[in-house]
Amino acid sequence: MVTNVTNFSRSGLYDWMAQRVSAVVLAAYFLFLIGYLVVNPGLEYAQWHQLYSATWMRIFSLLALVALSVHAWVGMWTISTDYLTNMAIGKWATGVRFIFQAVCGIAMFTMFVWGVQILWGI
């Protein structure tokens, strides 16, 4: 029995919770953005700049970026362990799964760092 699923937590239950909590954070972020667009039709650059210059919005966006990273990692880990198996692709499954997870991890880390640079202007 697998107890340490994604290395983010101690068991599959914690990964399930991370997936659900991150989904709620992402939903709140995107609902806020949709609401902002509805309330402020015809936005221009100055209004977007003002919104994203506010510290609370940067923190909210950073929280959404962290939630997206966690959500994506748990999802991709689940896909790789469910579908990249010996039965599905043969004896190379472990190596293929490792490469798939490494590429996903590097891509997510790169996008996270890039997102932080965009948000905070580093």
C-alpha atoms as a PDB file:
ATOM      1  CA  MET A   1       0.000   0.000   0.000  1.00  0.00           C
ATOM      2  CA  VAL A   2       1.308   3.445  -0.950  1.00  0.00           C
ATOM      3  CA  THR A   3       1.242   5.904   1.927  1.00  0.00           C
ATOM      4  CA  ASN A   4       3.540   8.658   0.681  1.00  0.00           C
ATOM      5  CA  VAL A   5       1.966   9.786  -2.527  1.00  0.00           C
ATOM      6  CA  THR A   6       3.442  13.030  -3.839  1.00  0.00           C
ATOM      7  CA  ASN A   7       5.986  13.888  -1.161  1.00  0.00           C
ATOM      8  CA  PHE A   8       3.904  16.998  -0.327  1.00  0.00           C
ATOM      9  CA  SER A   9       2.335  15.197   2.569  1.00  0.00           C
ATOM     10  CA  ARG A  10       2.147  12.023   4.566  1.00  0.00           C
ATOM     11  CA  SER A  11      -0.632  10.132   2.806  1.00  0.00           C
ATOM     12  CA  GLY A  12      -3.135  10.079  -0.002  1.00  0.00           C
ATOM     13  CA  LEU A  13      -5.697  11.775   2.251  1.00  0.00           C
ATOM     14  CA  TYR A  14      -3.460  14.828   2.593  1.00  0.00           C
ATOM     15  CA  ASP A  15      -2.910  14.902  -1.165  1.00  0.00           C
ATOM     16  CA  TRP A  16      -6.662  14.697  -1.675  1.00  0.00           C
ATOM     17  CA  MET A  17      -7.091  17.638   0.715  1.00  0.00           C
ATOM     18  CA  ALA A  18      -4.323  19.623  -1.017  1.00  0.00           C
ATOM     19  CA  GLN A  19      -6.105  19.058  -4.335  1.00  0.00           C
ATOM     20  CA  ARG A  20      -9.444  20.251  -2.922  1.00  0.00           C
ATOM     21  CA  VAL A  21      -8.056  23.265  -1.045  1.00  0.00           C
ATOM     22  CA  SER A  22      -6.011  24.369  -4.046  1.00  0.00           C
ATOM     23  CA  ALA A  23      -9.129  24.038  -6.228  1.00  0.00           C
ATOM     24  CA  VAL A  24     -11.064  26.316  -3.852  1.00  0.00           C
ATOM     25  CA  VAL A  25      -8.270  28.927  -3.908  1.00  0.00           C
ATOM     26  CA  LEU A  26      -8.129  28.812  -7.714  1.00  0.00           C
ATOM     27  CA  ALA A  27     -11.922  29.077  -7.959  1.00  0.00           C
ATOM     28  CA  ALA A  28     -11.946  32.101  -5.632  1.00  0.00           C
ATOM     29  CA  TYR A  29      -9.189  33.796  -7.640  1.00  0.00           C
ATOM     30  CA  PHE A  30     -10.838  33.276 -11.007  1.00  0.00           C
ATOM     31  CA  LEU A  31     -14.305  34.189  -9.715  1.00  0.00           C
ATOM     32  CA  PHE A  32     -12.818  37.412  -8.368  1.00  0.00           C
ATOM     33  CA  LEU A  33     -11.222  38.161 -11.746  1.00  0.00           C
ATOM     34  CA  ILE A  34     -14.460  37.423 -13.610  1.00  0.00           C
ATOM     35  CA  GLY A  35     -16.382  39.631 -11.153  1.00  0.00           C
ATOM     36  CA  TYR A  36     -13.824  42.401 -11.595  1.00  0.00           C
ATOM     37  CA  LEU A  37     -14.217  42.193 -15.362  1.00  0.00           C
ATOM     38  CA  VAL A  38     -18.014  42.317 -15.118  1.00  0.00           C
ATOM     39  CA  VAL A  39     -17.984  45.300 -12.742  1.00  0.00           C
ATOM     40  CA  ASN A  40     -15.328  47.147 -14.776  1.00  0.00           C
ATOM     41  CA  PRO A  41     -16.104  46.673 -18.478  1.00  0.00           C
ATOM     42  CA  GLY A  42     -13.639  48.076 -21.003  1.00  0.00           C
ATOM     43  CA  LEU A  43     -10.599  47.867 -18.763  1.00  0.00           C
ATOM     44  CA  GLU A  44      -7.467  49.640 -19.860  1.00  0.00           C
ATOM     45  CA  TYR A  45      -3.851  49.067 -18.932  1.00  0.00           C
ATOM     46  CA  ALA A  46      -3.912  51.717 -16.191  1.00  0.00           C
ATOM     47  CA  GLN A  47      -6.734  49.927 -14.342  1.00  0.00           C
ATOM     48  CA  TRP A  48      -5.025  46.527 -14.609  1.00  0.00           C
ATOM     49  CA  HIS A  49      -1.777  48.086 -13.441  1.00  0.00           C
ATOM     50  CA  GLN A  50      -3.528  49.674 -10.479  1.00  0.00           C
ATOM     51  CA  LEU A  51      -5.169  46.370  -9.521  1.00  0.00           C
ATOM     52  CA  TYR A  52      -1.967  44.336  -9.743  1.00  0.00           C
ATOM     53  CA  SER A  53       0.107  47.031  -8.033  1.00  0.00           C
ATOM     54  CA  ALA A  54      -1.877  46.553  -4.836  1.00  0.00           C
ATOM     55  CA  THR A  55      -0.032  44.361  -2.341  1.00  0.00           C
ATOM     56  CA  TRP A  56      -3.168  42.390  -1.444  1.00  0.00           C
ATOM     57  CA  MET A  57      -3.676  41.463  -5.112  1.00  0.00           C
ATOM     58  CA  ARG A  58      -0.060  40.405  -5.488  1.00  0.00           C
ATOM     59  CA  ILE A  59      -0.384  38.202  -2.416  1.00  0.00           C
ATOM     60  CA  PHE A  60      -3.713  36.793  -3.671  1.00  0.00           C
ATOM     61  CA  SER A  61      -2.094  36.116  -7.062  1.00  0.00           C
ATOM     62  CA  LEU A  62       0.906  34.475  -5.385  1.00  0.00           C
ATOM     63  CA  LEU A  63      -1.454  32.281  -3.358  1.00  0.00           C
ATOM     64  CA  ALA A  64      -3.219  31.319  -6.591  1.00  0.00           C
ATOM     65  CA  LEU A  65       0.152  30.551  -8.196  1.00  0.00           C
ATOM     66  CA  VAL A  66       1.117  28.286  -5.280  1.00  0.00           C
ATOM     67  CA  ALA A  67      -2.316  26.627  -5.436  1.00  0.00           C
ATOM     68  CA  LEU A  68      -1.914  26.090  -9.180  1.00  0.00           C
ATOM     69  CA  SER A  69       1.503  24.486  -8.642  1.00  0.00           C
ATOM     70  CA  VAL A  70       0.223  22.144  -5.915  1.00  0.00           C
ATOM     71  CA  HIS A  71      -2.905  21.285  -7.881  1.00  0.00           C
ATOM     72  CA  ALA A  72      -0.932  20.578 -11.053  1.00  0.00           C
ATOM     73  CA  TRP A  73       1.689  18.476  -9.261  1.00  0.00           C
ATOM     74  CA  VAL A  74      -0.847  16.268  -7.500  1.00  0.00           C
ATOM     75  CA  GLY A  75      -2.809  15.888 -10.737  1.00  0.00           C
ATOM     76  CA  MET A  76       0.199  15.044 -12.896  1.00  0.00           C
ATOM     77  CA  TRP A  77       1.558  12.650 -10.265  1.00  0.00           C
ATOM     78  CA  THR A  78      -1.810  10.882 -10.217  1.00  0.00           C
ATOM     79  CA  ILE A  79      -1.902  10.657 -14.006  1.00  0.00           C
ATOM     80  CA  SER A  80       1.639   9.279 -14.160  1.00  0.00           C
ATOM     81  CA  THR A  81       1.076   6.631 -11.501  1.00  0.00           C
ATOM     82  CA  ASP A  82      -2.327   5.607 -12.877  1.00  0.00           C
ATOM     83  CA  TYR A  83      -1.456   5.408 -16.575  1.00  0.00           C
ATOM     84  CA  LEU A  84       2.312   4.944 -16.877  1.00  0.00           C
ATOM     85  CA  THR A  85       2.384   1.410 -15.495  1.00  0.00           C
ATOM     86  CA  ASN A  86       4.103  -1.823 -16.484  1.00  0.00           C
ATOM     87  CA  MET A  87       0.790  -3.131 -17.777  1.00  0.00           C
ATOM     88  CA  ALA A  88       0.237  -0.071 -19.968  1.00  0.00           C
ATOM     89  CA  ILE A  89       3.703   0.565 -21.407  1.00  0.00           C
ATOM     90  CA  GLY A  90       5.825  -2.393 -20.455  1.00  0.00           C
ATOM     91  CA  LYS A  91       9.099  -2.825 -18.626  1.00  0.00           C
ATOM     92  CA  TRP A  92      10.189   0.786 -19.195  1.00  0.00           C
ATOM     93  CA  ALA A  93       7.342   2.183 -17.094  1.00  0.00           C
ATOM     94  CA  THR A  94       9.495   3.204 -14.126  1.00  0.00           C
ATOM     95  CA  GLY A  95      11.938   5.146 -16.276  1.00  0.00           C
ATOM     96  CA  VAL A  96       9.205   6.733 -18.377  1.00  0.00           C
ATOM     97  CA  ARG A  97       7.283   7.682 -15.240  1.00  0.00           C
ATOM     98  CA  PHE A  98      10.419   9.207 -13.677  1.00  0.00           C
ATOM     99  CA  ILE A  99      11.194  11.251 -16.795  1.00  0.00           C
ATOM    100  CA  PHE A 100       7.551  12.369 -17.078  1.00  0.00           C
ATOM    101  CA  GLN A 101       7.483  13.460 -13.418  1.00  0.00           C
ATOM    102  CA  ALA A 102      10.878  15.186 -13.709  1.00  0.00           C
ATOM    103  CA  VAL A 103       9.796  17.132 -16.799  1.00  0.00           C
ATOM    104  CA  CYS A 104       6.513  18.102 -15.111  1.00  0.00           C
ATOM    105  CA  GLY A 105       8.341  19.174 -11.951  1.00  0.00           C
ATOM    106  CA  ILE A 106      10.894  21.256 -13.839  1.00  0.00           C
ATOM    107  CA  ALA A 107       8.171  22.862 -15.963  1.00  0.00           C
ATOM    108  CA  MET A 108       6.063  23.709 -12.899  1.00  0.00           C
ATOM    109  CA  PHE A 109       9.058  25.116 -11.015  1.00  0.00           C
ATOM    110  CA  THR A 110      10.049  27.216 -14.034  1.00  0.00           C
ATOM    111  CA  MET A 111       6.521  28.583 -14.433  1.00  0.00           C
ATOM    112  CA  PHE A 112       6.283  29.298 -10.711  1.00  0.00           C
ATOM    113  CA  VAL A 113       9.558  31.256 -10.678  1.00  0.00           C
ATOM    114  CA  TRP A 114       8.511  33.095 -13.828  1.00  0.00           C
ATOM    115  CA  GLY A 115       5.150  33.948 -12.219  1.00  0.00           C
ATOM    116  CA  VAL A 116       6.873  35.316  -9.111  1.00  0.00           C
ATOM    117  CA  GLN A 117       9.132  37.443 -11.306  1.00  0.00           C
ATOM    118  CA  ILE A 118       6.112  38.814 -13.166  1.00  0.00           C
ATOM    119  CA  LEU A 119       4.127  39.518  -9.983  1.00  0.00           C
ATOM    120  CA  TRP A 120       6.895  41.089  -7.933  1.00  0.00           C
ATOM    121  CA  GLY A 121       9.071  42.513 -10.701  1.00  0.00           C
ATOM    122  CA  ILE A 122      12.193  40.728  -9.521  1.00  0.00           C
END
